[in-house]
Amino acid sequence: MIYISKQKPDKEILDKIAEIKNSSEWKRAENGDTKAIRQCFDNLPKAHIRKRILQE
């Protein structure tokens, strides 16, 4: 297996995650309800994340 050195997420991503975790949808999601949690994180800027992953 190839080791991949991961970088810290950009501030934009960290801010968006914090925004999601403070949202009412996140707070309504039951612990372990992966479908509800996944729907919350579908709002992340995936193009930006993909670009970062390719750089790594």
N, C-alpha and C. Protein backbone atom coordinates (compact mmCIF):
# COMPACT_ATOMS: atom_id res chain seq x y z
N MET A 1 0.84 -1.16 0.00
CA MET A 1 0.00 0.00 0.00
C MET A 1 0.90 1.24 0.00
N ILE A 2 0.51 2.25 -0.73
CA ILE A 2 1.27 3.49 -0.83
C ILE A 2 0.80 4.44 0.27
N TYR A 3 1.76 5.00 1.01
CA TYR A 3 1.42 5.97 2.05
C TYR A 3 1.16 7.32 1.39
N ILE A 4 0.06 7.97 1.75
CA ILE A 4 -0.29 9.28 1.23
C ILE A 4 -0.28 10.26 2.39
N SER A 5 0.58 11.23 2.30
CA SER A 5 0.68 12.25 3.34
C SER A 5 -0.48 13.24 3.15
N LYS A 6 -1.40 13.25 4.09
CA LYS A 6 -2.57 14.11 3.99
C LYS A 6 -2.26 15.49 4.51
N GLN A 7 -2.82 16.49 3.83
CA GLN A 7 -2.68 17.87 4.25
C GLN A 7 -3.90 18.26 5.07
N LYS A 8 -3.76 19.34 5.81
CA LYS A 8 -4.89 19.87 6.56
C LYS A 8 -5.91 20.44 5.58
N PRO A 9 -7.21 20.27 5.82
CA PRO A 9 -8.22 20.85 4.93
C PRO A 9 -8.11 22.37 4.88
N ASP A 10 -8.48 22.94 3.75
CA ASP A 10 -8.49 24.40 3.60
C ASP A 10 -9.50 25.02 4.57
N LYS A 11 -9.29 26.29 4.86
CA LYS A 11 -10.19 27.01 5.76
C LYS A 11 -11.62 27.01 5.21
N GLU A 12 -11.76 27.08 3.89
CA GLU A 12 -13.09 27.06 3.27
C GLU A 12 -13.85 25.79 3.64
N ILE A 13 -13.17 24.66 3.58
CA ILE A 13 -13.79 23.38 3.90
C ILE A 13 -14.10 23.30 5.39
N LEU A 14 -13.15 23.70 6.23
CA LEU A 14 -13.37 23.67 7.68
C LEU A 14 -14.55 24.57 8.08
N ASP A 15 -14.65 25.73 7.45
CA ASP A 15 -15.76 26.64 7.73
C ASP A 15 -17.10 26.03 7.32
N LYS A 16 -17.11 25.36 6.17
CA LYS A 16 -18.35 24.74 5.69
C LYS A 16 -18.76 23.58 6.61
N ILE A 17 -17.78 22.80 7.08
CA ILE A 17 -18.09 21.70 8.01
C ILE A 17 -18.66 22.25 9.30
N ALA A 18 -18.07 23.33 9.81
CA ALA A 18 -18.57 23.95 11.04
C ALA A 18 -20.00 24.47 10.84
N GLU A 19 -20.24 25.05 9.66
CA GLU A 19 -21.58 25.55 9.34
C GLU A 19 -22.60 24.40 9.32
N ILE A 20 -22.21 23.28 8.73
CA ILE A 20 -23.10 22.12 8.66
C ILE A 20 -23.38 21.57 10.05
N LYS A 21 -22.33 21.47 10.88
CA LYS A 21 -22.51 20.91 12.22
C LYS A 21 -23.34 21.82 13.12
N ASN A 22 -23.44 23.09 12.78
CA ASN A 22 -24.26 24.02 13.57
C ASN A 22 -25.67 24.16 13.00
N SER A 23 -25.94 23.50 11.89
CA SER A 23 -27.26 23.63 11.25
C SER A 23 -28.33 22.83 11.99
N SER A 24 -29.56 23.22 11.77
CA SER A 24 -30.67 22.52 12.42
C SER A 24 -30.82 21.10 11.88
N GLU A 25 -30.49 20.87 10.60
CA GLU A 25 -30.58 19.52 10.03
C GLU A 25 -29.62 18.57 10.74
N TRP A 26 -28.41 19.06 11.02
CA TRP A 26 -27.41 18.23 11.70
C TRP A 26 -27.88 17.89 13.11
N LYS A 27 -28.43 18.88 13.79
CA LYS A 27 -28.88 18.67 15.17
C LYS A 27 -30.07 17.72 15.23
N ARG A 28 -30.87 17.68 14.18
CA ARG A 28 -32.03 16.77 14.15
C ARG A 28 -31.62 15.34 13.81
N ALA A 29 -30.46 15.18 13.16
CA ALA A 29 -30.01 13.84 12.77
C ALA A 29 -29.71 13.02 14.01
N GLU A 30 -30.27 11.86 14.05
CA GLU A 30 -30.03 10.97 15.19
C GLU A 30 -28.60 10.42 15.10
N ASN A 31 -28.02 10.16 16.24
CA ASN A 31 -26.69 9.55 16.25
C ASN A 31 -26.74 8.22 15.51
N GLY A 32 -25.83 8.08 14.57
CA GLY A 32 -25.77 6.84 13.81
C GLY A 32 -26.67 6.82 12.58
N ASP A 33 -27.46 7.86 12.37
CA ASP A 33 -28.33 7.93 11.19
C ASP A 33 -27.48 8.39 10.01
N THR A 34 -26.80 7.44 9.38
CA THR A 34 -25.84 7.78 8.33
C THR A 34 -26.50 8.44 7.12
N LYS A 35 -27.74 8.12 6.83
CA LYS A 35 -28.43 8.74 5.69
C LYS A 35 -28.61 10.23 5.92
N ALA A 36 -29.06 10.60 7.11
CA ALA A 36 -29.27 12.02 7.43
C ALA A 36 -27.94 12.77 7.46
N ILE A 37 -26.92 12.13 8.03
CA ILE A 37 -25.61 12.77 8.11
C ILE A 37 -25.03 12.95 6.71
N ARG A 38 -25.17 11.94 5.87
CA ARG A 38 -24.67 12.02 4.49
C ARG A 38 -25.36 13.15 3.73
N GLN A 39 -26.66 13.33 3.93
CA GLN A 39 -27.38 14.41 3.27
C GLN A 39 -26.84 15.77 3.69
N CYS A 40 -26.45 15.91 4.94
CA CYS A 40 -25.87 17.17 5.41
C CYS A 40 -24.55 17.44 4.70
N PHE A 41 -23.70 16.42 4.59
CA PHE A 41 -22.39 16.61 4.00
C PHE A 41 -22.41 16.63 2.47
N ASP A 42 -23.55 16.34 1.86
CA ASP A 42 -23.66 16.47 0.41
C ASP A 42 -23.53 17.93 -0.02
N ASN A 43 -23.62 18.86 0.94
CA ASN A 43 -23.53 20.28 0.63
C ASN A 43 -22.10 20.80 0.58
N LEU A 44 -21.12 19.94 0.84
CA LEU A 44 -19.73 20.38 0.78
C LEU A 44 -19.31 20.65 -0.66
N PRO A 45 -18.37 21.59 -0.87
CA PRO A 45 -17.89 21.90 -2.23
C PRO A 45 -16.99 20.77 -2.75
N LYS A 46 -17.59 19.79 -3.39
CA LYS A 46 -16.87 18.59 -3.79
C LYS A 46 -15.79 18.84 -4.84
N ALA A 47 -16.01 19.79 -5.73
CA ALA A 47 -15.00 20.08 -6.75
C ALA A 47 -13.71 20.55 -6.08
N HIS A 48 -13.84 21.36 -5.06
CA HIS A 48 -12.67 21.85 -4.33
C HIS A 48 -11.97 20.70 -3.60
N ILE A 49 -12.74 19.82 -3.01
CA ILE A 49 -12.19 18.67 -2.28
C ILE A 49 -11.47 17.73 -3.25
N ARG A 50 -12.08 17.47 -4.41
CA ARG A 50 -11.46 16.58 -5.40
C ARG A 50 -10.12 17.14 -5.88
N LYS A 51 -10.08 18.44 -6.11
CA LYS A 51 -8.85 19.08 -6.56
C LYS A 51 -7.75 18.89 -5.51
N ARG A 52 -8.11 19.07 -4.26
CA ARG A 52 -7.15 18.91 -3.17
C ARG A 52 -6.65 17.46 -3.07
N ILE A 53 -7.55 16.51 -3.22
CA ILE A 53 -7.18 15.10 -3.15
C ILE A 53 -6.20 14.75 -4.28
N LEU A 54 -6.45 15.26 -5.47
CA LEU A 54 -5.55 14.99 -6.60
C LEU A 54 -4.16 15.56 -6.34
N GLN A 55 -4.09 16.71 -5.68
CA GLN A 55 -2.78 17.30 -5.35
C GLN A 55 -2.01 16.42 -4.39
N GLU A 56 -2.73 15.80 -3.46
CA GLU A 56 -2.07 14.93 -2.47
C GLU A 56 -1.54 13.69 -3.15
